[in-house]
Amino acid sequence: MRIVYIEPYEGGSHARFTRALTGRVPAQWTTLTLPGRHWKWRMRGSGAWFALARSDAFDPPPDLLVASSYLPLTDLLALRPALADVPRVLYFHENQLAYPTRGAPAERDNHFGFTQLVSARAATRCVFNSAWNRDSFFEAGARLLARLPDAVPPGWIDAIAARSVVLPVPIELPGLLGHAAGDDTPDDTPDDTPIILWNHRWEHDKDPAAFFEALYALADRGLPFRLAVCGERFREAPPAFAEARRRLADHIVHWGFLPSRADYHRLLARCHLAVSTARHEFFGISMLEATWFGARPVVPDRLSYPEIFPARYRYPEGALVDTLARLCAAPEALRADRRALVEPYGPALIERYTALFSELAGRA
């Protein structure tokens, strides 16, 4: 089975997905990527780039094409018409119709979402990393199409839905995928003062302001806790981070991105509480990583989290401070073996991908 894999935005969770998929699903892989930057240009220009600059990868045509939804698939097909007979999988790590904007919804550039609607219609199979991602794409896509003045083909969303499935992201972790068990996991920290973890991107859609405001409230109540902040930072970070580093200086045990996966895993293995305040989460790799290493997840009861975590790990709107205060009052119950929550994203998931790709490639 020959598979051409295309990722126009090779960074963060996209890069980890590339590594897990191409390294675990048995096939003859040709991997085409571009660096994870300039996301708007990737969604505009990557189809033409791969078709024209990497034409060698498509001659002869593969048995299967797998690409992320950053690829304008129809551009690639127009410039490489031989691919029209090749089954095509479009993987949605996110969708641009439900991605939160910094300001009012009117600021959204719907052209990117429309491009994904067209690409989805041209795919043989659309794969979403969560039902939340899929459903939000269909709902927002239907609203967008209803706004168009005329000449909208009927049944567009229904046609995409009929060829769509949900398959989460395989996660490479020691003892799950990619490593021997325990090869970079230290013993728990001997100090019982809870370490509260932020291990998300330093961006507005993860709502760091809400996270740090909750910690300020804990500090005002005199509750003991420590703070570890990691996660990927881009050129400009929300101002909440600089303020928190100043106001919570006495609580901080770690601050900043950890480029080494082993060092990152060691930090996770020290933490007691992994918290999300996300306003956007189409899947949630970082929370599952922390859970694997023993931290208790604390996630909002929204987005993709109800698909991943039982209700006892989810807090309702407005209840984060009281939830953290209650948990910090009993630190001995925080760290535990919760790997069963993460195990579905290991070998069994790879088998599902293998079955899907084999089925589609068999039609070529």
Protein backbone atom coordinates (compact mmCIF):
# COMPACT_ATOMS: atom_id res chain seq x y z
CA MET A 1 0.00 0.00 0.00
CA ARG A 2 1.57 3.27 -1.18
CA ILE A 3 0.36 6.37 0.64
CA VAL A 4 1.24 10.00 -0.03
CA TYR A 5 0.80 12.03 3.14
CA ILE A 6 0.55 15.85 2.94
CA GLU A 7 0.76 18.22 5.91
CA PRO A 8 1.09 21.89 4.91
CA TYR A 9 1.38 22.98 8.57
CA GLU A 10 3.91 20.67 10.19
CA GLY A 11 4.08 21.89 13.78
CA GLY A 12 2.74 21.13 17.25
CA SER A 13 0.04 18.48 17.35
CA HIS A 14 0.07 18.22 13.55
CA ALA A 15 3.72 17.12 13.63
CA ARG A 16 3.05 14.60 16.39
CA PHE A 17 0.16 13.20 14.36
CA THR A 18 2.42 12.90 11.31
CA ARG A 19 5.02 11.01 13.31
CA ALA A 20 2.53 8.63 14.95
CA LEU A 21 0.63 7.86 11.76
CA THR A 22 3.50 7.41 9.31
CA GLY A 23 5.60 5.59 11.89
CA ARG A 24 2.90 3.13 13.01
CA VAL A 25 0.49 2.40 10.16
CA PRO A 26 2.18 -0.21 7.92
CA ALA A 27 2.53 1.25 4.44
CA GLN A 28 5.03 2.67 1.98
CA TRP A 29 4.80 6.33 2.95
CA THR A 30 5.82 9.41 1.00
CA THR A 31 5.61 12.33 3.42
CA LEU A 32 5.29 15.90 2.11
CA THR A 33 5.29 18.75 4.62
CA LEU A 34 5.83 22.48 4.98
CA PRO A 35 6.90 24.21 8.22
CA GLY A 36 4.16 25.18 10.69
CA ARG A 37 4.06 28.91 10.01
CA HIS A 38 2.15 31.39 7.79
CA TRP A 39 -1.08 29.42 8.22
CA LYS A 40 -3.11 31.65 5.92
CA TRP A 41 -0.64 31.21 3.09
CA ARG A 42 -0.59 27.47 3.70
CA MET A 43 -4.38 27.33 3.21
CA ARG A 44 -4.14 29.48 0.07
CA GLY A 45 -1.01 28.26 -1.65
CA SER A 46 -0.01 24.79 -0.47
CA GLY A 47 -2.09 22.90 -3.05
CA ALA A 48 -0.27 24.56 -5.93
CA TRP A 49 3.08 24.19 -4.19
CA PHE A 50 2.81 20.44 -3.70
CA ALA A 51 1.33 19.89 -7.17
CA LEU A 52 4.03 21.83 -8.99
CA ALA A 53 7.14 21.68 -6.79
CA ARG A 54 6.68 18.08 -5.63
CA SER A 55 5.11 16.55 -8.72
CA ASP A 56 7.51 13.61 -8.48
CA ALA A 57 5.62 12.34 -5.45
CA PHE A 58 2.49 11.70 -7.53
CA ASP A 59 4.08 9.83 -10.43
CA PRO A 60 2.97 7.10 -10.52
CA PRO A 61 -0.21 7.89 -8.56
CA PRO A 62 -0.28 6.33 -5.07
CA ASP A 63 -2.90 3.95 -3.73
CA LEU A 64 -4.10 6.54 -1.21
CA LEU A 65 -3.71 10.25 -0.49
CA VAL A 66 -3.92 11.46 3.13
CA ALA A 67 -3.82 15.20 3.86
CA SER A 68 -4.72 17.60 6.63
CA SER A 69 -7.49 20.11 6.07
CA TYR A 70 -4.90 22.89 5.69
CA LEU A 71 -4.51 21.60 2.13
CA PRO A 72 -6.79 23.18 -0.52
CA LEU A 73 -7.47 19.76 -1.97
CA THR A 74 -9.24 20.89 -5.13
CA ASP A 75 -6.21 22.96 -6.18
CA LEU A 76 -4.04 19.86 -5.96
CA LEU A 77 -6.54 17.79 -7.95
CA ALA A 78 -6.87 20.44 -10.65
CA LEU A 79 -3.12 20.59 -11.19
CA ARG A 80 -2.59 16.82 -10.83
CA PRO A 81 -5.71 15.37 -12.53
CA ALA A 82 -4.39 11.80 -12.30
CA LEU A 83 -5.15 11.97 -8.56
CA ALA A 84 -8.88 12.06 -9.35
CA ASP A 85 -8.83 8.24 -9.40
CA VAL A 86 -6.96 8.00 -6.07
CA PRO A 87 -8.98 7.70 -2.81
CA ARG A 88 -8.45 10.83 -0.72
CA VAL A 89 -8.59 11.22 3.09
CA LEU A 90 -8.89 14.74 4.51
CA TYR A 91 -8.02 14.93 8.22
CA PHE A 92 -9.49 17.75 10.32
CA HIS A 93 -7.34 18.69 13.31
CA GLU A 94 -9.50 21.82 13.49
CA ASN A 95 -11.95 23.67 11.29
CA GLN A 96 -11.83 27.32 10.35
CA LEU A 97 -15.59 27.84 10.66
CA ALA A 98 -15.64 27.19 14.42
CA TYR A 99 -12.17 28.46 15.33
CA PRO A 100 -12.63 31.36 17.79
CA THR A 101 -11.80 34.88 16.66
CA ARG A 102 -10.06 37.46 18.83
CA GLY A 103 -12.89 39.95 18.37
CA ALA A 104 -16.46 39.82 17.16
CA PRO A 105 -17.56 36.87 14.97
CA ALA A 106 -17.92 39.34 12.10
CA GLU A 107 -14.12 39.50 12.00
CA ARG A 108 -13.88 35.89 10.79
CA ASP A 109 -12.60 35.44 7.24
CA ASN A 110 -15.05 32.82 6.02
CA HIS A 111 -13.05 32.21 2.86
CA PHE A 112 -10.83 29.79 4.78
CA GLY A 113 -13.81 27.85 6.08
CA PHE A 114 -15.35 27.81 2.61
CA THR A 115 -12.12 26.38 1.23
CA GLN A 116 -12.43 23.56 3.75
CA LEU A 117 -16.05 22.97 2.71
CA VAL A 118 -14.95 22.60 -0.92
CA SER A 119 -12.02 20.35 0.02
CA ALA A 120 -14.30 18.18 2.15
CA ARG A 121 -16.68 17.76 -0.77
CA ALA A 122 -13.75 16.62 -2.94
CA ALA A 123 -12.49 14.07 -0.39
CA THR A 124 -13.36 10.39 -0.44
CA ARG A 125 -13.40 10.34 3.36
CA CYS A 126 -13.34 13.17 5.90
CA VAL A 127 -11.84 12.22 9.26
CA PHE A 128 -12.38 14.43 12.31
CA ASN A 129 -10.43 14.18 15.55
CA SER A 130 -13.61 14.62 17.64
CA ALA A 131 -17.36 14.67 17.25
CA TRP A 132 -17.26 18.27 18.50
CA ASN A 133 -14.99 19.21 15.60
CA ARG A 134 -17.24 17.42 13.11
CA ASP A 135 -20.53 18.77 14.44
CA SER A 136 -19.31 22.37 14.77
CA PHE A 137 -18.03 22.23 11.17
CA PHE A 138 -21.34 20.96 9.83
CA GLU A 139 -23.41 23.45 11.84
CA ALA A 140 -21.28 26.48 10.97
CA GLY A 141 -20.95 25.27 7.37
CA ALA A 142 -24.73 25.06 6.99
CA ARG A 143 -25.10 28.60 8.37
CA LEU A 144 -22.47 29.93 5.98
CA LEU A 145 -24.02 28.27 2.93
CA ALA A 146 -27.44 29.63 3.91
CA ARG A 147 -26.01 33.17 3.76
CA LEU A 148 -24.76 32.86 0.19
CA PRO A 149 -26.88 34.73 -2.39
CA ASP A 150 -27.48 31.95 -4.93
CA ALA A 151 -25.97 29.06 -6.89
CA VAL A 152 -25.40 26.88 -3.83
CA PRO A 153 -25.49 23.15 -4.70
CA PRO A 154 -28.11 21.32 -2.63
CA GLY A 155 -27.17 18.67 -0.09
CA TRP A 156 -23.61 19.93 0.40
CA ILE A 157 -23.38 19.26 4.15
CA ASP A 158 -25.28 15.98 3.90
CA ALA A 159 -22.85 14.73 1.26
CA ILE A 160 -19.86 15.52 3.51
CA ALA A 161 -21.56 13.97 6.55
CA ALA A 162 -22.17 10.73 4.65
CA ARG A 163 -18.46 10.28 4.05
CA SER A 164 -17.23 11.43 7.48
CA VAL A 165 -15.90 9.49 10.47
CA VAL A 166 -14.39 10.41 13.84
CA LEU A 167 -10.92 9.07 14.62
CA PRO A 168 -8.96 10.79 17.41
CA VAL A 169 -5.25 11.56 17.38
CA PRO A 170 -2.85 8.72 18.29
CA ILE A 171 -0.66 9.86 21.19
CA GLU A 172 3.01 8.90 21.53
CA LEU A 173 3.79 8.39 25.22
CA PRO A 174 6.08 6.08 27.21
CA GLY A 175 4.34 2.75 27.53
CA LEU A 176 1.60 3.67 25.04
CA LEU A 177 3.19 4.40 21.65
CA GLY A 178 6.80 4.95 20.78
CA HIS A 179 8.63 4.25 24.04
CA ALA A 180 9.28 1.59 26.62
CA ALA A 181 7.24 1.98 29.79
CA GLY A 182 8.77 4.29 32.35
CA ASP A 183 11.90 5.20 30.36
CA ASP A 184 11.69 8.90 31.15
CA THR A 185 9.24 9.05 34.05
CA PRO A 186 10.75 9.96 37.45
CA ASP A 187 9.29 9.31 40.85
CA ASP A 188 6.59 11.64 42.13
CA THR A 189 7.68 14.84 43.82
CA PRO A 190 7.98 14.27 47.60
CA ASP A 191 6.36 17.62 48.42
CA ASP A 192 2.58 17.37 48.89
CA THR A 193 1.96 21.02 48.04
CA PRO A 194 -0.08 20.68 44.82
CA ILE A 195 1.55 21.71 41.56
CA ILE A 196 -1.02 23.18 39.15
CA LEU A 197 -0.06 22.80 35.50
CA TRP A 198 -0.60 24.90 32.38
CA ASN A 199 0.71 22.97 29.34
CA HIS A 200 -1.21 24.59 26.49
CA ARG A 201 -0.32 26.99 23.70
CA TRP A 202 0.18 30.55 24.92
CA GLU A 203 -2.69 31.94 22.88
CA HIS A 204 -5.98 33.70 23.48
CA ASP A 205 -8.20 30.76 22.52
CA LYS A 206 -6.88 28.77 25.50
CA ASP A 207 -8.07 31.63 27.77
CA PRO A 208 -4.98 31.99 29.99
CA ALA A 209 -6.56 35.03 31.68
CA ALA A 210 -9.27 32.82 33.18
CA PHE A 211 -6.67 30.31 34.36
CA PHE A 212 -4.52 32.89 36.11
CA GLU A 213 -7.51 34.70 37.61
CA ALA A 214 -8.48 31.42 39.26
CA LEU A 215 -4.99 31.10 40.72
CA TYR A 216 -5.09 34.67 42.02
CA ALA A 217 -8.31 33.75 43.80
CA LEU A 218 -6.65 30.69 45.36
CA ALA A 219 -3.76 32.83 46.54
CA ASP A 220 -6.17 35.37 48.06
CA ARG A 221 -7.80 32.54 50.02
CA GLY A 222 -4.42 31.53 51.37
CA LEU A 223 -4.48 28.07 49.80
CA PRO A 224 -1.04 26.51 49.25
CA PHE A 225 -0.17 25.60 45.67
CA ARG A 226 2.68 25.73 43.21
CA LEU A 227 2.57 26.56 39.51
CA ALA A 228 4.19 25.02 36.42
CA VAL A 229 3.71 26.80 33.10
CA CYS A 230 4.98 25.25 29.87
CA GLY A 231 3.43 24.85 26.41
CA GLU A 232 4.33 26.35 23.06
CA ARG A 233 4.82 30.10 22.86
CA PHE A 234 4.69 32.12 19.65
CA ARG A 235 6.04 35.56 18.84
CA GLU A 236 3.46 37.43 20.88
CA ALA A 237 2.02 35.94 24.05
CA PRO A 238 -1.16 37.24 25.72
CA PRO A 239 -0.32 39.82 28.41
CA ALA A 240 -1.83 37.57 31.10
CA PHE A 241 1.39 35.55 31.15
CA ALA A 242 3.71 38.43 32.05
CA GLU A 243 1.34 39.60 34.78
CA ALA A 244 1.04 36.10 36.22
CA ARG A 245 4.79 35.60 36.28
CA ARG A 246 5.06 38.72 38.41
CA ARG A 247 2.06 38.18 40.71
CA LEU A 248 2.61 34.45 41.26
CA ALA A 249 6.41 34.49 41.43
CA ASP A 250 6.50 32.84 44.87
CA HIS A 251 4.46 29.89 43.58
CA ILE A 252 6.34 29.11 40.35
CA VAL A 253 8.39 25.90 40.05
CA HIS A 254 8.73 26.03 36.26
CA TRP A 255 8.09 28.66 33.59
CA GLY A 256 8.55 28.32 29.83
CA PHE A 257 8.52 25.93 26.89
CA LEU A 258 10.40 22.63 27.22
CA PRO A 259 11.80 21.59 23.81
CA SER A 260 12.90 18.19 25.14
CA ARG A 261 10.07 15.67 25.27
CA ALA A 262 11.84 13.82 28.10
CA ASP A 263 12.06 17.02 30.17
CA TYR A 264 8.42 17.77 29.40
CA HIS A 265 7.38 14.31 30.57
CA ARG A 266 9.40 14.71 33.76
CA LEU A 267 7.57 17.92 34.53
CA LEU A 268 4.18 16.30 33.91
CA ALA A 269 5.12 13.51 36.30
CA ARG A 270 5.58 16.07 39.09
CA CYS A 271 2.25 17.84 38.67
CA HIS A 272 -0.92 17.20 40.65
CA LEU A 273 -3.56 19.14 38.71
CA ALA A 274 -3.66 19.75 34.94
CA VAL A 275 -6.13 22.53 34.17
CA SER A 276 -7.80 23.69 30.98
CA THR A 277 -9.78 26.89 30.56
CA ALA A 278 -9.95 26.55 26.78
CA ARG A 279 -12.53 28.34 24.69
CA HIS A 280 -11.33 26.29 21.74
CA GLU A 281 -10.38 22.64 21.93
CA PHE A 282 -11.10 20.35 19.02
CA PHE A 283 -9.32 17.45 20.73
CA GLY A 284 -7.04 17.94 23.77
CA ILE A 285 -3.66 16.18 23.51
CA SER A 286 -2.00 18.19 26.29
CA MET A 287 -4.61 17.20 28.87
CA LEU A 288 -4.31 13.52 27.94
CA GLU A 289 -0.51 13.71 28.18
CA ALA A 290 -0.70 15.12 31.70
CA THR A 291 -3.31 12.54 32.67
CA TRP A 292 -1.06 9.70 31.49
CA PHE A 293 1.65 10.87 33.88
CA GLY A 294 -0.66 10.95 36.90
CA ALA A 295 -2.04 14.48 37.10
CA ARG A 296 -5.72 14.88 37.79
CA PRO A 297 -7.43 16.55 34.79
CA VAL A 298 -9.63 19.60 35.50
CA VAL A 299 -11.45 20.56 32.29
CA PRO A 300 -14.49 22.68 31.37
CA ASP A 301 -17.71 20.88 30.60
CA ARG A 302 -17.72 21.94 26.93
CA LEU A 303 -16.03 21.51 23.55
CA SER A 304 -14.42 18.08 22.98
CA TYR A 305 -13.82 17.35 26.67
CA PRO A 306 -17.09 15.47 27.35
CA GLU A 307 -15.95 12.92 24.74
CA ILE A 308 -12.66 12.31 26.57
CA PHE A 309 -13.14 12.79 30.31
CA PRO A 310 -15.90 11.50 32.63
CA ALA A 311 -18.09 14.07 34.37
CA ARG A 312 -16.10 13.99 37.62
CA TYR A 313 -13.17 15.64 35.84
CA ARG A 314 -15.27 18.42 34.27
CA TYR A 315 -16.30 21.65 35.97
CA PRO A 316 -19.35 23.75 35.04
CA GLU A 317 -19.14 27.36 33.91
CA GLY A 318 -18.04 29.64 36.75
CA ALA A 319 -16.97 26.82 39.10
CA LEU A 320 -13.23 26.62 38.45
CA VAL A 321 -12.06 28.43 41.59
CA ASP A 322 -14.24 26.38 43.95
CA THR A 323 -13.24 23.19 42.13
CA LEU A 324 -9.53 23.92 42.51
CA ALA A 325 -9.96 24.99 46.13
CA ARG A 326 -11.71 21.72 46.97
CA LEU A 327 -9.06 19.64 45.23
CA CYS A 328 -6.11 21.51 46.72
CA ALA A 329 -7.54 20.87 50.19
CA ALA A 330 -6.93 17.11 49.72
CA PRO A 331 -3.65 16.85 47.75
CA GLU A 332 -3.07 13.22 48.70
CA ALA A 333 -5.95 12.22 46.41
CA LEU A 334 -4.77 14.12 43.34
CA ARG A 335 -2.02 12.08 41.69
CA ALA A 336 -3.20 8.62 40.62
CA ASP A 337 -2.90 6.06 37.84
CA ARG A 338 -5.48 7.23 35.29
CA ARG A 339 -3.82 5.74 32.22
CA ALA A 340 -7.01 3.90 31.35
CA LEU A 341 -8.39 7.26 30.18
CA VAL A 342 -5.56 7.56 27.64
CA GLU A 343 -5.16 3.96 26.48
CA PRO A 344 -7.85 4.24 23.75
CA TYR A 345 -5.47 6.59 21.90
CA GLY A 346 -2.70 4.02 21.53
CA PRO A 347 -2.35 0.76 19.54
CA ALA A 348 -6.10 0.13 19.21
CA LEU A 349 -6.48 3.48 17.48
CA ILE A 350 -3.60 2.73 15.10
CA GLU A 351 -5.44 -0.46 14.14
CA ARG A 352 -8.53 1.58 13.24
CA TYR A 353 -6.47 3.85 10.99
CA THR A 354 -4.82 0.85 9.37
CA ALA A 355 -8.21 -0.72 8.64
CA LEU A 356 -9.59 2.51 7.15
CA PHE A 357 -6.57 3.12 4.92
CA SER A 358 -6.46 -0.48 3.75
CA GLU A 359 -10.15 -0.40 2.87
CA LEU A 360 -9.83 2.81 0.85
CA ALA A 361 -6.58 1.83 -0.85
CA GLY A 362 -8.22 -1.40 -1.93
CA ARG A 363 -10.64 0.63 -4.04
CA ALA A 364 -7.86 2.27 -6.04
